[in-house]
Amino acid sequence: MKSFDLSLYLVLDPVLCADIGMIETARAAVAGGATIVQLRDKHASTTTMIETGLVLKQVLAGSGARLIVNDDVEAAIAIGADGLHIGQEDLNAHDARRMIGPDMILGLSVETEALASAIDAKIVDYAGVGPVFATPTKPDHKQPIGFDGLTRIIGLCPVPTVAIGGLKAEHAADALAAGADGLAVVSAICGKPDPMAATTFIANAIKEARK
């Protein structure tokens, strides 16, 4: 059984993290309570992704936080990452699972009820559901679904879910009420002057929402 906690899922953004870097942002976020760190850099080469990922793996070692690589199967395997996350326009989930093997975590982005219903729980381990709100960190995102859409899509997902898309601490209660197992955030942590404090603030909001 794969062990992972979707509670507070940080998606690294190289542009937003530019001031202190993705490595230091991840280090601070994990200290503040991030449970998963996703390495996402759409413009980086596989070689660069591997280099960054190997350092991130060292930073996360012993913390309990999981390292997920976005899109790049080759990098995920070379890093020895805990998992791979793919979108609907990326690699097919069946092919991704075949390439990464049975033990790596596989996440899949879903934006519609039909896509949620089509998930094969024998292949995919969790779904990233959204975008809940419009977000500048992913300008090509699909139409925002809001919390009503989030509730409907999660209701059809046969796997654990993490809500994503413009989410901040004040959205924790609504996201969890919609059935999400956690929140995925980008700008709520990346680019903040104190990423550890920003993460702690969100982590505490999630804990409060679960009471």
C-alpha atoms as a PDB file:
ATOM      1  CA  MET A   1       0.000   0.000   0.000  1.00  0.00           C
ATOM      2  CA  LYS A   2       1.474   3.355  -1.028  1.00  0.00           C
ATOM      3  CA  SER A   3       1.774   5.844   1.804  1.00  0.00           C
ATOM      4  CA  PHE A   4       1.208   9.516   1.075  1.00  0.00           C
ATOM      5  CA  ASP A   5      -0.597  12.464   2.626  1.00  0.00           C
ATOM      6  CA  LEU A   6      -2.294  14.953   0.284  1.00  0.00           C
ATOM      7  CA  SER A   7      -3.109  17.463   3.065  1.00  0.00           C
ATOM      8  CA  LEU A   8      -0.821  20.267   1.902  1.00  0.00           C
ATOM      9  CA  TYR A   9       0.570  19.757  -1.566  1.00  0.00           C
ATOM     10  CA  LEU A  10       3.096  22.358  -2.746  1.00  0.00           C
ATOM     11  CA  VAL A  11       3.549  22.777  -6.497  1.00  0.00           C
ATOM     12  CA  LEU A  12       6.858  24.529  -7.102  1.00  0.00           C
ATOM     13  CA  ASP A  13       6.930  27.336  -9.656  1.00  0.00           C
ATOM     14  CA  PRO A  14      10.422  28.379 -10.824  1.00  0.00           C
ATOM     15  CA  VAL A  15       9.350  31.940 -11.682  1.00  0.00           C
ATOM     16  CA  LEU A  16       7.555  32.653  -8.407  1.00  0.00           C
ATOM     17  CA  CYS A  17      10.342  30.963  -6.445  1.00  0.00           C
ATOM     18  CA  ALA A  18      13.076  32.916  -8.255  1.00  0.00           C
ATOM     19  CA  ASP A  19      14.079  35.078  -5.291  1.00  0.00           C
ATOM     20  CA  ILE A  20      15.006  32.247  -2.948  1.00  0.00           C
ATOM     21  CA  GLY A  21      14.862  29.307  -5.349  1.00  0.00           C
ATOM     22  CA  MET A  22      12.787  26.147  -5.513  1.00  0.00           C
ATOM     23  CA  ILE A  23      15.112  24.200  -3.223  1.00  0.00           C
ATOM     24  CA  GLU A  24      14.971  26.670  -0.336  1.00  0.00           C
ATOM     25  CA  THR A  25      11.235  27.191  -0.857  1.00  0.00           C
ATOM     26  CA  ALA A  26      10.701  23.432  -0.580  1.00  0.00           C
ATOM     27  CA  ARG A  27      12.925  23.188   2.493  1.00  0.00           C
ATOM     28  CA  ALA A  28      11.001  25.957   4.245  1.00  0.00           C
ATOM     29  CA  ALA A  29       7.602  24.619   3.174  1.00  0.00           C
ATOM     30  CA  VAL A  30       8.290  21.125   4.466  1.00  0.00           C
ATOM     31  CA  ALA A  31       9.428  22.612   7.783  1.00  0.00           C
ATOM     32  CA  GLY A  32       6.115  24.486   7.830  1.00  0.00           C
ATOM     33  CA  GLY A  33       3.991  21.411   7.209  1.00  0.00           C
ATOM     34  CA  ALA A  34       3.897  20.670   3.473  1.00  0.00           C
ATOM     35  CA  THR A  35       3.251  16.950   2.998  1.00  0.00           C
ATOM     36  CA  ILE A  36       4.009  16.712  -0.735  1.00  0.00           C
ATOM     37  CA  VAL A  37       6.306  18.740  -2.975  1.00  0.00           C
ATOM     38  CA  GLN A  38       5.806  18.651  -6.729  1.00  0.00           C
ATOM     39  CA  LEU A  39       8.642  19.668  -9.019  1.00  0.00           C
ATOM     40  CA  ARG A  40       6.979  21.451 -11.934  1.00  0.00           C
ATOM     41  CA  ASP A  41       9.008  23.337 -14.526  1.00  0.00           C
ATOM     42  CA  LYS A  42       7.473  23.245 -17.997  1.00  0.00           C
ATOM     43  CA  HIS A  43      10.509  24.899 -19.598  1.00  0.00           C
ATOM     44  CA  ALA A  44      13.314  22.885 -17.998  1.00  0.00           C
ATOM     45  CA  SER A  45      15.156  20.112 -19.802  1.00  0.00           C
ATOM     46  CA  THR A  46      15.048  16.588 -18.429  1.00  0.00           C
ATOM     47  CA  THR A  47      18.686  16.990 -17.372  1.00  0.00           C
ATOM     48  CA  THR A  48      17.857  20.125 -15.379  1.00  0.00           C
ATOM     49  CA  MET A  49      14.796  18.459 -13.852  1.00  0.00           C
ATOM     50  CA  ILE A  50      16.956  15.548 -12.727  1.00  0.00           C
ATOM     51  CA  GLU A  51      19.577  17.859 -11.215  1.00  0.00           C
ATOM     52  CA  THR A  52      16.961  19.850  -9.301  1.00  0.00           C
ATOM     53  CA  GLY A  53      15.039  16.744  -8.325  1.00  0.00           C
ATOM     54  CA  LEU A  54      18.065  15.000  -6.849  1.00  0.00           C
ATOM     55  CA  VAL A  55      18.734  17.999  -4.598  1.00  0.00           C
ATOM     56  CA  LEU A  56      15.057  18.154  -3.617  1.00  0.00           C
ATOM     57  CA  LYS A  57      15.164  14.467  -2.753  1.00  0.00           C
ATOM     58  CA  GLN A  58      18.032  15.139  -0.343  1.00  0.00           C
ATOM     59  CA  VAL A  59      16.202  18.109   1.157  1.00  0.00           C
ATOM     60  CA  LEU A  60      13.048  16.041   1.740  1.00  0.00           C
ATOM     61  CA  ALA A  61      14.877  12.967   3.073  1.00  0.00           C
ATOM     62  CA  GLY A  62      13.634  12.011   6.518  1.00  0.00           C
ATOM     63  CA  SER A  63      10.849  14.629   6.517  1.00  0.00           C
ATOM     64  CA  GLY A  64       8.056  12.256   5.529  1.00  0.00           C
ATOM     65  CA  ALA A  65       7.098  14.603   2.673  1.00  0.00           C
ATOM     66  CA  ARG A  66       6.828  13.000  -0.759  1.00  0.00           C
ATOM     67  CA  LEU A  67       8.533  14.239  -3.917  1.00  0.00           C
ATOM     68  CA  ILE A  68       6.381  14.185  -7.064  1.00  0.00           C
ATOM     69  CA  VAL A  69       7.666  15.077 -10.538  1.00  0.00           C
ATOM     70  CA  ASN A  70       5.330  16.754 -13.009  1.00  0.00           C
ATOM     71  CA  ASP A  71       5.127  15.319 -16.528  1.00  0.00           C
ATOM     72  CA  ASP A  72       8.702  14.136 -17.000  1.00  0.00           C
ATOM     73  CA  VAL A  73       8.711  10.338 -16.644  1.00  0.00           C
ATOM     74  CA  GLU A  74      12.395  10.023 -17.447  1.00  0.00           C
ATOM     75  CA  ALA A  75      13.300  12.544 -14.762  1.00  0.00           C
ATOM     76  CA  ALA A  76      10.993  10.944 -12.173  1.00  0.00           C
ATOM     77  CA  ILE A  77      12.645   7.557 -12.718  1.00  0.00           C
ATOM     78  CA  ALA A  78      16.200   8.943 -12.725  1.00  0.00           C
ATOM     79  CA  ILE A  79      15.586  10.928  -9.530  1.00  0.00           C
ATOM     80  CA  GLY A  80      13.980   7.978  -7.804  1.00  0.00           C
ATOM     81  CA  ALA A  81      11.071  10.286  -6.979  1.00  0.00           C
ATOM     82  CA  ASP A  82       8.135   9.087  -4.913  1.00  0.00           C
ATOM     83  CA  GLY A  83       5.765   9.809  -7.738  1.00  0.00           C
ATOM     84  CA  LEU A  84       4.789  11.245 -11.104  1.00  0.00           C
ATOM     85  CA  HIS A  85       1.926  13.614 -11.879  1.00  0.00           C
ATOM     86  CA  ILE A  86       0.466  13.850 -15.362  1.00  0.00           C
ATOM     87  CA  GLY A  87      -2.189  15.970 -17.026  1.00  0.00           C
ATOM     88  CA  GLN A  88      -4.812  14.902 -19.527  1.00  0.00           C
ATOM     89  CA  GLU A  89      -2.708  16.228 -22.422  1.00  0.00           C
ATOM     90  CA  ASP A  90       0.396  14.437 -21.220  1.00  0.00           C
ATOM     91  CA  LEU A  91       1.213  10.760 -21.230  1.00  0.00           C
ATOM     92  CA  ASN A  92      -1.645   8.249 -21.053  1.00  0.00           C
ATOM     93  CA  ALA A  93      -2.075   6.940 -17.483  1.00  0.00           C
ATOM     94  CA  HIS A  94      -1.733   3.311 -18.587  1.00  0.00           C
ATOM     95  CA  ASP A  95       1.542   4.067 -20.375  1.00  0.00           C
ATOM     96  CA  ALA A  96       2.813   6.124 -17.455  1.00  0.00           C
ATOM     97  CA  ARG A  97       2.133   3.281 -15.017  1.00  0.00           C
ATOM     98  CA  ARG A  98       3.867   0.804 -17.287  1.00  0.00           C
ATOM     99  CA  MET A  99       6.954   3.018 -17.424  1.00  0.00           C
ATOM    100  CA  ILE A 100       7.214   3.907 -13.727  1.00  0.00           C
ATOM    101  CA  GLY A 101       6.296   0.470 -12.397  1.00  0.00           C
ATOM    102  CA  PRO A 102       3.828  -0.522  -9.685  1.00  0.00           C
ATOM    103  CA  ASP A 103       5.401   1.181  -6.685  1.00  0.00           C
ATOM    104  CA  MET A 104       5.638   4.839  -7.708  1.00  0.00           C
ATOM    105  CA  ILE A 105       2.707   7.145  -6.863  1.00  0.00           C
ATOM    106  CA  LEU A 106       0.803   8.261  -9.961  1.00  0.00           C
ATOM    107  CA  GLY A 107      -1.326  11.409  -9.902  1.00  0.00           C
ATOM    108  CA  LEU A 108      -3.653  12.581 -12.663  1.00  0.00           C
ATOM    109  CA  SER A 109      -5.240  15.999 -13.276  1.00  0.00           C
ATOM    110  CA  VAL A 110      -8.999  15.935 -13.820  1.00  0.00           C
ATOM    111  CA  GLU A 111     -11.184  18.875 -14.788  1.00  0.00           C
ATOM    112  CA  THR A 112     -14.542  17.252 -15.548  1.00  0.00           C
ATOM    113  CA  GLU A 113     -16.968  14.707 -14.164  1.00  0.00           C
ATOM    114  CA  ALA A 114     -16.407  12.466 -17.200  1.00  0.00           C
ATOM    115  CA  LEU A 115     -12.644  12.398 -16.626  1.00  0.00           C
ATOM    116  CA  ALA A 116     -13.166  11.635 -12.931  1.00  0.00           C
ATOM    117  CA  SER A 117     -15.468   8.726 -13.748  1.00  0.00           C
ATOM    118  CA  ALA A 118     -12.925   7.342 -16.210  1.00  0.00           C
ATOM    119  CA  ILE A 119     -10.120   7.004 -13.647  1.00  0.00           C
ATOM    120  CA  ASP A 120      -8.874   3.454 -13.156  1.00  0.00           C
ATOM    121  CA  ALA A 121      -8.054   3.113  -9.458  1.00  0.00           C
ATOM    122  CA  LYS A 122      -5.767   0.175 -10.216  1.00  0.00           C
ATOM    123  CA  ILE A 123      -3.519   2.549 -12.176  1.00  0.00           C
ATOM    124  CA  VAL A 124      -3.963   6.053 -10.701  1.00  0.00           C
ATOM    125  CA  ASP A 125      -3.327   6.741  -7.005  1.00  0.00           C
ATOM    126  CA  TYR A 126      -4.782  10.237  -6.631  1.00  0.00           C
ATOM    127  CA  ALA A 127      -6.450  12.952  -8.671  1.00  0.00           C
ATOM    128  CA  GLY A 128      -5.690  16.657  -8.766  1.00  0.00           C
ATOM    129  CA  VAL A 129      -9.096  18.293  -9.222  1.00  0.00           C
ATOM    130  CA  GLY A 130      -9.524  21.814 -10.552  1.00  0.00           C
ATOM    131  CA  PRO A 131      -8.912  24.537 -11.252  1.00  0.00           C
ATOM    132  CA  VAL A 132     -11.238  25.710  -8.491  1.00  0.00           C
ATOM    133  CA  PHE A 133     -10.406  29.342  -9.368  1.00  0.00           C
ATOM    134  CA  ALA A 134      -8.599  31.004 -12.249  1.00  0.00           C
ATOM    135  CA  THR A 135      -4.883  31.237 -11.570  1.00  0.00           C
ATOM    136  CA  PRO A 136      -2.057  33.117 -13.310  1.00  0.00           C
ATOM    137  CA  THR A 137       0.431  30.350 -12.487  1.00  0.00           C
ATOM    138  CA  LYS A 138      -1.140  28.190 -15.171  1.00  0.00           C
ATOM    139  CA  PRO A 139      -2.442  30.504 -17.904  1.00  0.00           C
ATOM    140  CA  ASP A 140      -3.599  27.615 -20.117  1.00  0.00           C
ATOM    141  CA  HIS A 141      -5.829  26.118 -17.420  1.00  0.00           C
ATOM    142  CA  LYS A 142      -9.328  24.896 -18.089  1.00  0.00           C
ATOM    143  CA  GLN A 143     -12.506  26.720 -17.055  1.00  0.00           C
ATOM    144  CA  PRO A 144     -12.646  27.192 -13.241  1.00  0.00           C
ATOM    145  CA  ILE A 145     -15.061  24.756 -11.594  1.00  0.00           C
ATOM    146  CA  GLY A 146     -15.731  26.494  -8.254  1.00  0.00           C
ATOM    147  CA  PHE A 147     -16.565  24.564  -5.096  1.00  0.00           C
ATOM    148  CA  ASP A 148     -19.819  23.185  -6.542  1.00  0.00           C
ATOM    149  CA  GLY A 149     -17.914  21.699  -9.460  1.00  0.00           C
ATOM    150  CA  LEU A 150     -15.245  20.444  -7.081  1.00  0.00           C
ATOM    151  CA  THR A 151     -17.875  18.629  -5.025  1.00  0.00           C
ATOM    152  CA  ARG A 152     -19.424  17.001  -8.095  1.00  0.00           C
ATOM    153  CA  ILE A 153     -16.115  15.868  -9.581  1.00  0.00           C
ATOM    154  CA  ILE A 154     -14.739  14.548  -6.297  1.00  0.00           C
ATOM    155  CA  GLY A 155     -17.972  12.613  -5.805  1.00  0.00           C
ATOM    156  CA  LEU A 156     -17.135  10.621  -8.934  1.00  0.00           C
ATOM    157  CA  CYS A 157     -13.421  10.099  -8.227  1.00  0.00           C
ATOM    158  CA  PRO A 158     -12.560   6.541  -7.155  1.00  0.00           C
ATOM    159  CA  VAL A 159      -9.228   7.709  -5.674  1.00  0.00           C
ATOM    160  CA  PRO A 160      -8.096  10.299  -3.083  1.00  0.00           C
ATOM    161  CA  THR A 161      -8.204  13.885  -4.310  1.00  0.00           C
ATOM    162  CA  VAL A 162      -6.371  17.165  -3.897  1.00  0.00           C
ATOM    163  CA  ALA A 163      -8.058  20.432  -4.887  1.00  0.00           C
ATOM    164  CA  ILE A 164      -6.015  22.896  -6.957  1.00  0.00           C
ATOM    165  CA  GLY A 165      -6.376  26.287  -8.584  1.00  0.00           C
ATOM    166  CA  GLY A 166      -5.929  29.634  -6.847  1.00  0.00           C
ATOM    167  CA  LEU A 167      -6.386  28.160  -3.369  1.00  0.00           C
ATOM    168  CA  LYS A 168      -5.300  29.887  -0.164  1.00  0.00           C
ATOM    169  CA  ALA A 169      -5.666  29.247   3.563  1.00  0.00           C
ATOM    170  CA  GLU A 170      -9.167  30.752   3.653  1.00  0.00           C
ATOM    171  CA  HIS A 171     -10.365  28.107   1.193  1.00  0.00           C
ATOM    172  CA  ALA A 172      -9.353  25.112   3.339  1.00  0.00           C
ATOM    173  CA  ALA A 173     -12.754  24.560   4.946  1.00  0.00           C
ATOM    174  CA  ASP A 174     -14.665  24.765   1.635  1.00  0.00           C
ATOM    175  CA  ALA A 175     -12.210  22.472  -0.174  1.00  0.00           C
ATOM    176  CA  LEU A 176     -12.366  19.826   2.538  1.00  0.00           C
ATOM    177  CA  ALA A 177     -16.157  20.177   2.772  1.00  0.00           C
ATOM    178  CA  ALA A 178     -16.270  19.426  -0.960  1.00  0.00           C
ATOM    179  CA  GLY A 179     -14.574  16.112  -0.172  1.00  0.00           C
ATOM    180  CA  ALA A 180     -10.958  16.921  -1.030  1.00  0.00           C
ATOM    181  CA  ASP A 181      -8.256  15.160   0.962  1.00  0.00           C
ATOM    182  CA  GLY A 182      -6.059  18.224   0.762  1.00  0.00           C
ATOM    183  CA  LEU A 183      -5.128  21.496  -0.916  1.00  0.00           C
ATOM    184  CA  ALA A 184      -2.549  21.984  -3.662  1.00  0.00           C
ATOM    185  CA  VAL A 185      -1.080  25.480  -3.649  1.00  0.00           C
ATOM    186  CA  VAL A 186       1.423  27.407  -5.734  1.00  0.00           C
ATOM    187  CA  SER A 187       1.402  31.180  -5.205  1.00  0.00           C
ATOM    188  CA  ALA A 188       0.163  30.882  -1.615  1.00  0.00           C
ATOM    189  CA  ILE A 189       3.681  29.638  -0.769  1.00  0.00           C
ATOM    190  CA  CYS A 190       5.975  30.210  -3.765  1.00  0.00           C
ATOM    191  CA  GLY A 191       7.264  33.767  -3.877  1.00  0.00           C
ATOM    192  CA  LYS A 192       6.245  34.608  -0.318  1.00  0.00           C
ATOM    193  CA  PRO A 193       8.966  36.375   1.713  1.00  0.00           C
ATOM    194  CA  ASP A 194       8.671  33.671   4.408  1.00  0.00           C
ATOM    195  CA  PRO A 195       7.552  30.381   2.796  1.00  0.00           C
ATOM    196  CA  MET A 196       7.726  28.509   6.095  1.00  0.00           C
ATOM    197  CA  ALA A 197       5.339  30.945   7.805  1.00  0.00           C
ATOM    198  CA  ALA A 198       3.054  30.921   4.752  1.00  0.00           C
ATOM    199  CA  THR A 199       2.961  27.110   4.804  1.00  0.00           C
ATOM    200  CA  THR A 200       2.346  26.957   8.555  1.00  0.00           C
ATOM    201  CA  PHE A 201      -0.590  29.350   8.139  1.00  0.00           C
ATOM    202  CA  ILE A 202      -2.208  27.088   5.516  1.00  0.00           C
ATOM    203  CA  ALA A 203      -1.399  23.901   7.453  1.00  0.00           C
ATOM    204  CA  ASN A 204      -3.097  25.333  10.535  1.00  0.00           C
ATOM    205  CA  ALA A 205      -6.160  26.306   8.480  1.00  0.00           C
ATOM    206  CA  ILE A 206      -6.396  22.716   7.210  1.00  0.00           C
ATOM    207  CA  LYS A 207      -6.126  21.353  10.763  1.00  0.00           C
ATOM    208  CA  GLU A 208      -8.845  23.741  11.933  1.00  0.00           C
ATOM    209  CA  ALA A 209     -11.099  22.736   9.046  1.00  0.00           C
ATOM    210  CA  ARG A 210     -10.763  19.088  10.028  1.00  0.00           C
ATOM    211  CA  LYS A 211     -11.879  19.624  13.622  1.00  0.00           C
END
